[in-house]
Amino acid sequence: MDSIFLYAHAKINLTLDVLYKRPDNYHEIRSIMQSIGIADRLKLKKIDKGIDLKTNGKIRATRDNLAYTAAEKFFQASGLIGGVEIFLEKNIPIAAGLAGGSADAAAVLYGLNQLYDEIFSVEQLQVLGGSFGADIPFCLVGGTMLAEGIGEKLTKLPSIPELSIVLIQIDYFVPTKEVYQSLTKELFGDKYSNRMITVLEKLSDSSDIQLARCMGNALEDVTIQKCPEITQWKKRLLAHGALGALMSGSGPTVYGLFDRLEDAQDFYRHWADEGNIIITKPSTSGVSLVQNWEGTDES
C-alpha cells in the first residue's frame, strides 16, 4: 500500500471540568469528549524521503502545522527511512475549540502507521501524540470518552444517543492559554462530568434531556467575558428547541444538541445569514480510513 485516504474528525466537549492548576502550570481536567461527523480529509502517499505538506488553502502548509509535526515525530520515533506527501483538505473550523489541528495530527500518525506496516500499537501512537498535543490521544480513537490529566488519560464511555449537533463558528480568536490563565479557583472542581457519566451508564428513553442537563464547561464564563456572542447564540439555540447548548473547549464555537433533525434544520434556515452554521452528528471514531473521497458519506 503506497497511499491512504482518511477522515480526521472534530470533537466537542460535552463537559469540561478544571480541577486544579498543577505545579508544571498545566491544569488537571475531567472532560467528556465526543467525536463528531465534521472532518478534515487527508491523503497520505509514500515518497522516498522528506515531508511534503499541501493544503486546500484554508490553512498554511508550514512546518508548524500539526500534521507536519506528526509526520516528523513518527519518522523520528520509528527510525524508518522514508517520507510522505500529505494533502490536507481543511473543513473543521480553525482555532475554534474543536481540536482540528489535533485531529489532523492523529490522522497522520494513524495513516503513516498503516502505510508502514503498523509498527506501533494504538497505545504507543497515543503516547507519541500526547508528547506534542493534549487532544491527540483522544483524536486517535474518538467516540465518547472521559479524558483526565491534561487530556491524555482516557476511559471509554457508552456512546451518546444519535442526536443532531448544530455548530456555530464565531469569528473571534480566543488563545487557549489565555483562557486557562484567567481561571479563578471558584471555577475549579468536578461540577459536570460525574453527573453525565452516571446518565451515560444508565441510558434510557429520557437520556437525551438528562444528558443536556449535565452539560457544562468551566471555561465558558471566562471566554464569554471576551466574546459575549457566545451567550447570544446559546439563547438562540435553546429558543429553537435545542436540548442543551454549550461552548466547546476554550471556544469560541458554540453547539446545540437536538433530538429532532427537523428542528436543527429549522434553526439553520432561520439563522444561516447571521453566522457560519454546520449541522452534523456524533461519530464513533476519531480517524476514519476510507477507500477514497468520492461518494463517501460523513460518519
Protein backbone atom coordinates (compact mmCIF):
# COMPACT_ATOMS: atom_id res chain seq x y z
CA MET A 1 0.00 0.00 0.00
CA ASP A 2 1.52 3.30 -1.15
CA SER A 3 -1.30 5.74 -0.34
CA ILE A 4 -4.17 6.08 2.08
CA PHE A 5 -7.28 8.26 2.48
CA LEU A 6 -8.53 9.36 5.89
CA TYR A 7 -11.13 11.48 7.65
CA ALA A 8 -9.94 13.35 10.76
CA HIS A 9 -12.97 14.01 12.94
CA ALA A 10 -13.53 17.09 15.09
CA LYS A 11 -14.55 16.83 18.74
CA ILE A 12 -16.80 18.68 21.13
CA ASN A 13 -16.66 18.76 24.91
CA LEU A 14 -19.91 17.59 26.46
CA THR A 15 -18.40 18.54 29.81
CA LEU A 16 -15.17 20.26 30.76
CA ASP A 17 -14.23 20.45 34.44
CA VAL A 18 -10.96 22.04 35.57
CA LEU A 19 -9.87 20.50 38.86
CA TYR A 20 -6.74 22.48 39.77
CA LYS A 21 -3.56 24.04 38.45
CA ARG A 22 -0.60 21.66 38.56
CA PRO A 23 2.96 22.53 39.62
CA ASP A 24 4.03 22.31 35.95
CA ASN A 25 1.48 25.10 35.17
CA TYR A 26 -0.83 22.77 33.25
CA HIS A 27 -4.38 22.30 34.51
CA GLU A 28 -5.80 18.96 35.61
CA ILE A 29 -9.10 18.38 33.80
CA ARG A 30 -12.01 15.95 33.61
CA SER A 31 -13.84 16.21 30.33
CA ILE A 32 -16.27 14.06 28.39
CA MET A 33 -15.20 14.37 24.78
CA GLN A 34 -17.30 13.39 21.79
CA SER A 35 -16.19 12.89 18.18
CA ILE A 36 -18.48 14.43 15.57
CA GLY A 37 -19.09 13.93 11.88
CA ILE A 38 -17.46 17.07 10.51
CA ALA A 39 -13.96 16.09 9.42
CA ASP A 40 -10.84 17.19 7.59
CA ARG A 41 -9.83 14.93 4.72
CA LEU A 42 -6.28 13.75 4.20
CA LYS A 43 -4.42 11.77 1.58
CA LEU A 44 -1.03 10.32 2.56
CA LYS A 45 1.33 8.96 -0.08
CA LYS A 46 4.71 7.30 0.45
CA ILE A 47 7.71 9.09 -1.05
CA ASP A 48 11.41 8.28 -0.83
CA LYS A 49 12.29 10.94 1.71
CA GLY A 50 11.11 14.16 3.32
CA ILE A 51 7.71 15.55 4.25
CA ASP A 52 5.71 17.40 1.60
CA LEU A 53 2.56 19.04 3.01
CA LYS A 54 -0.04 20.62 0.73
CA THR A 55 -3.41 22.09 1.77
CA ASN A 56 -6.56 23.43 0.15
CA GLY A 57 -5.54 26.95 1.16
CA LYS A 58 -7.63 27.31 4.33
CA ILE A 59 -4.54 26.78 6.48
CA ARG A 60 -0.82 27.28 5.91
CA ALA A 61 1.28 24.33 4.77
CA THR A 62 4.19 25.10 7.09
CA ARG A 63 6.43 23.17 9.44
CA ASP A 64 4.45 24.38 12.47
CA ASN A 65 1.27 22.73 11.15
CA LEU A 66 0.46 19.81 13.48
CA ALA A 67 0.06 17.46 10.51
CA TYR A 68 3.68 18.18 9.55
CA THR A 69 4.84 17.83 13.16
CA ALA A 70 3.08 14.46 13.43
CA ALA A 71 4.94 13.12 10.39
CA GLU A 72 8.26 14.36 11.81
CA LYS A 73 7.58 12.72 15.16
CA PHE A 74 6.54 9.45 13.51
CA PHE A 75 9.74 9.11 11.48
CA GLN A 76 11.91 10.17 14.43
CA ALA A 77 10.28 7.64 16.76
CA SER A 78 10.27 4.78 14.25
CA GLY A 79 13.75 5.28 12.84
CA LEU A 80 12.33 4.44 9.41
CA ILE A 81 13.94 5.74 6.25
CA GLY A 82 11.19 7.16 4.09
CA GLY A 83 8.92 10.10 3.57
CA VAL A 84 5.35 11.15 2.99
CA GLU A 85 3.35 13.50 0.81
CA ILE A 86 0.34 14.86 2.71
CA PHE A 87 -2.64 16.60 1.16
CA LEU A 88 -4.89 18.19 3.79
CA GLU A 89 -8.37 19.42 2.92
CA LYS A 90 -9.40 21.63 5.83
CA ASN A 91 -13.09 21.54 6.76
CA ILE A 92 -13.01 21.84 10.57
CA PRO A 93 -13.11 25.48 11.72
CA ILE A 94 -9.66 26.68 12.81
CA ALA A 95 -8.84 27.76 16.40
CA ALA A 96 -12.43 27.03 17.39
CA GLY A 97 -12.28 24.60 20.33
CA LEU A 98 -12.93 21.60 18.04
CA ALA A 99 -9.41 20.05 18.07
CA GLY A 100 -8.99 20.42 14.31
CA GLY A 101 -5.19 20.51 14.42
CA SER A 102 -5.04 17.59 16.84
CA ALA A 103 -7.41 15.61 14.62
CA ASP A 104 -5.10 16.15 11.63
CA ALA A 105 -2.07 15.07 13.65
CA ALA A 106 -3.90 11.94 14.82
CA ALA A 107 -4.86 11.06 11.24
CA VAL A 108 -1.26 11.47 10.06
CA LEU A 109 0.06 9.24 12.86
CA TYR A 110 -2.61 6.64 12.18
CA GLY A 111 -2.17 6.78 8.41
CA LEU A 112 1.62 6.53 8.49
CA ASN A 113 1.35 3.58 10.85
CA GLN A 114 -0.90 1.87 8.31
CA LEU A 115 1.43 2.66 5.41
CA TYR A 116 4.44 1.38 7.32
CA ASP A 117 3.06 -1.99 8.45
CA GLU A 118 1.60 -0.98 11.84
CA ILE A 119 4.92 -0.85 13.66
CA PHE A 120 3.26 0.94 16.60
CA SER A 121 0.25 -0.08 18.67
CA VAL A 122 -2.56 2.44 19.11
CA GLU A 123 -1.40 2.94 22.70
CA GLN A 124 2.12 3.75 21.50
CA LEU A 125 0.72 6.23 18.98
CA GLN A 126 -1.26 7.87 21.78
CA VAL A 127 1.88 8.31 23.88
CA LEU A 128 3.71 9.74 20.86
CA GLY A 129 0.83 12.08 20.02
CA GLY A 130 0.42 13.17 23.62
CA SER A 131 4.02 14.40 23.62
CA PHE A 132 3.05 17.34 21.37
CA GLY A 133 -0.73 17.72 21.69
CA ALA A 134 -3.05 17.02 24.63
CA ASP A 135 -6.09 16.20 22.43
CA ILE A 136 -4.23 13.90 20.03
CA PRO A 137 -4.60 10.72 22.16
CA PHE A 138 -8.38 11.18 22.12
CA CYS A 139 -8.50 12.04 18.42
CA LEU A 140 -6.73 8.77 17.58
CA VAL A 141 -9.60 6.69 18.98
CA GLY A 142 -12.56 9.04 19.25
CA GLY A 143 -16.11 8.12 20.17
CA THR A 144 -17.31 9.07 23.65
CA MET A 145 -14.51 9.24 26.21
CA LEU A 146 -13.71 10.59 29.66
CA ALA A 147 -10.42 12.49 29.39
CA GLU A 148 -8.39 13.16 32.53
CA GLY A 149 -4.95 14.52 33.38
CA ILE A 150 -4.30 17.14 30.70
CA GLY A 151 -6.44 15.05 28.36
CA GLU A 152 -4.16 12.06 27.85
CA LYS A 153 -5.81 9.62 30.31
CA LEU A 154 -8.81 8.15 28.52
CA THR A 155 -11.69 5.93 29.62
CA LYS A 156 -14.25 4.68 27.10
CA LEU A 157 -17.87 5.55 27.90
CA PRO A 158 -21.17 4.37 26.40
CA SER A 159 -21.98 6.17 23.15
CA ILE A 160 -24.36 9.11 23.31
CA PRO A 161 -27.72 8.83 21.51
CA GLU A 162 -27.91 9.67 17.78
CA LEU A 163 -28.59 13.39 18.14
CA SER A 164 -28.27 16.21 15.64
CA ILE A 165 -25.48 18.62 16.54
CA VAL A 166 -25.56 22.23 15.36
CA LEU A 167 -22.23 24.09 15.42
CA ILE A 168 -21.91 27.86 15.27
CA GLN A 169 -18.46 29.16 14.36
CA ILE A 170 -17.94 32.60 15.90
CA ASP A 171 -15.37 34.80 14.18
CA TYR A 172 -13.28 35.62 17.23
CA PHE A 173 -9.84 34.29 18.19
CA VAL A 174 -9.51 33.08 21.78
CA PRO A 175 -6.00 31.92 22.82
CA THR A 176 -6.42 28.74 24.88
CA LYS A 177 -3.51 29.61 27.17
CA GLU A 178 -5.04 32.99 27.96
CA VAL A 179 -8.39 31.40 28.89
CA TYR A 180 -6.78 28.93 31.30
CA GLN A 181 -4.64 31.66 32.84
CA SER A 182 -7.78 33.69 33.55
CA LEU A 183 -9.48 30.88 35.51
CA THR A 184 -10.23 31.58 39.16
CA LYS A 185 -10.37 28.93 41.90
CA GLU A 186 -14.15 29.36 42.14
CA LEU A 187 -14.41 27.66 38.74
CA PHE A 188 -12.38 24.60 39.81
CA GLY A 189 -14.00 21.27 40.66
CA ASP A 190 -15.92 18.36 39.12
CA LYS A 191 -19.24 20.08 38.54
CA TYR A 192 -20.47 18.29 35.42
CA SER A 193 -18.55 15.14 34.38
CA ASN A 194 -19.55 12.75 37.17
CA ARG A 195 -23.24 13.53 36.66
CA MET A 196 -23.03 12.90 32.92
CA ILE A 197 -21.14 9.62 33.40
CA THR A 198 -24.00 8.41 35.61
CA VAL A 199 -26.51 9.25 32.88
CA LEU A 200 -24.43 7.57 30.15
CA GLU A 201 -24.15 4.39 32.21
CA LYS A 202 -27.95 4.22 32.58
CA LEU A 203 -29.09 5.10 29.07
CA SER A 204 -32.87 5.19 28.68
CA ASP A 205 -35.56 6.92 26.63
CA SER A 206 -35.16 10.03 28.77
CA SER A 207 -31.37 10.12 28.40
CA ASP A 208 -31.35 12.89 25.76
CA ILE A 209 -32.71 15.58 28.05
CA GLN A 210 -30.81 14.23 31.06
CA LEU A 211 -27.55 14.47 29.12
CA ALA A 212 -28.33 18.04 28.15
CA ARG A 213 -28.93 18.97 31.79
CA CYS A 214 -25.45 17.69 32.69
CA MET A 215 -23.60 19.69 30.02
CA GLY A 216 -21.20 22.28 31.35
CA ASN A 217 -17.85 23.94 30.66
CA ALA A 218 -15.76 25.63 33.34
CA LEU A 219 -14.02 27.75 30.69
CA GLU A 220 -17.23 29.23 29.33
CA ASP A 221 -17.58 32.07 31.85
CA VAL A 222 -14.04 33.22 31.09
CA THR A 223 -14.42 33.19 27.30
CA ILE A 224 -17.86 34.85 27.41
CA GLN A 225 -16.26 37.89 29.05
CA LYS A 226 -14.13 38.27 25.92
CA CYS A 227 -16.79 37.12 23.43
CA PRO A 228 -20.39 37.88 24.55
CA GLU A 229 -21.75 36.46 21.27
CA ILE A 230 -21.46 33.02 22.87
CA THR A 231 -24.37 33.79 25.21
CA GLN A 232 -26.45 35.18 22.35
CA TRP A 233 -26.04 32.05 20.23
CA LYS A 234 -26.77 29.74 23.17
CA LYS A 235 -30.06 31.54 23.76
CA ARG A 236 -30.96 31.25 20.06
CA LEU A 237 -30.26 27.51 20.07
CA LEU A 238 -32.38 26.89 23.16
CA ALA A 239 -35.21 29.03 21.78
CA HIS A 240 -35.31 26.80 18.66
CA GLY A 241 -35.63 23.57 20.61
CA ALA A 242 -32.07 22.56 21.44
CA LEU A 243 -31.96 20.21 24.43
CA GLY A 244 -28.79 21.95 25.56
CA ALA A 245 -26.24 24.46 24.28
CA LEU A 246 -22.59 24.87 25.26
CA MET A 247 -19.26 26.30 24.22
CA SER A 248 -16.75 23.65 23.12
CA GLY A 249 -13.23 23.62 24.57
CA SER A 250 -11.85 27.10 25.17
CA GLY A 251 -14.16 28.39 22.44
CA PRO A 252 -15.47 30.27 20.79
CA THR A 253 -17.52 27.63 18.90
CA VAL A 254 -20.98 27.02 20.38
CA TYR A 255 -23.02 23.89 19.74
CA GLY A 256 -26.55 22.71 20.43
CA LEU A 257 -27.92 19.18 20.76
CA PHE A 258 -31.24 18.49 19.02
CA ASP A 259 -33.25 15.27 19.25
CA ARG A 260 -35.07 16.15 16.00
CA LEU A 261 -33.17 16.80 12.77
CA GLU A 262 -36.10 18.94 11.59
CA ASP A 263 -35.55 21.37 14.48
CA ALA A 264 -31.83 21.59 13.68
CA GLN A 265 -32.62 22.31 10.03
CA ASP A 266 -35.18 24.93 11.04
CA PHE A 267 -32.55 26.67 13.16
CA TYR A 268 -30.15 26.63 10.20
CA ARG A 269 -32.73 28.17 7.86
CA HIS A 270 -33.58 30.88 10.38
CA TRP A 271 -30.04 31.94 11.28
CA ALA A 272 -27.83 30.92 8.33
CA ASP A 273 -27.41 34.54 7.22
CA GLU A 274 -26.14 35.54 10.67
CA GLY A 275 -23.26 33.11 11.10
CA ASN A 276 -21.33 30.04 9.95
CA ILE A 277 -23.63 27.18 10.96
CA ILE A 278 -22.96 23.47 10.44
CA ILE A 279 -25.28 20.53 11.14
CA THR A 280 -23.51 17.29 11.99
CA LYS A 281 -23.90 14.21 14.19
CA PRO A 282 -21.91 12.10 16.66
CA SER A 283 -19.14 9.87 15.33
CA THR A 284 -17.92 6.66 16.92
CA SER A 285 -14.36 7.15 15.66
CA GLY A 286 -11.69 9.83 15.71
CA VAL A 287 -9.97 8.73 12.49
CA SER A 288 -11.85 7.02 9.65
CA LEU A 289 -9.99 5.06 6.99
CA VAL A 290 -11.77 5.25 3.61
CA GLN A 291 -11.20 3.79 0.14
CA ASN A 292 -11.33 7.23 -1.47
CA TRP A 293 -13.07 10.56 -1.00
CA GLU A 294 -15.65 10.24 -3.75
CA GLY A 295 -19.08 9.05 -2.65
CA THR A 296 -18.06 8.54 0.96
CA ASP A 297 -20.61 9.75 3.49
CA GLU A 298 -19.70 11.65 6.64
CA SER A 299 -19.63 9.22 9.57
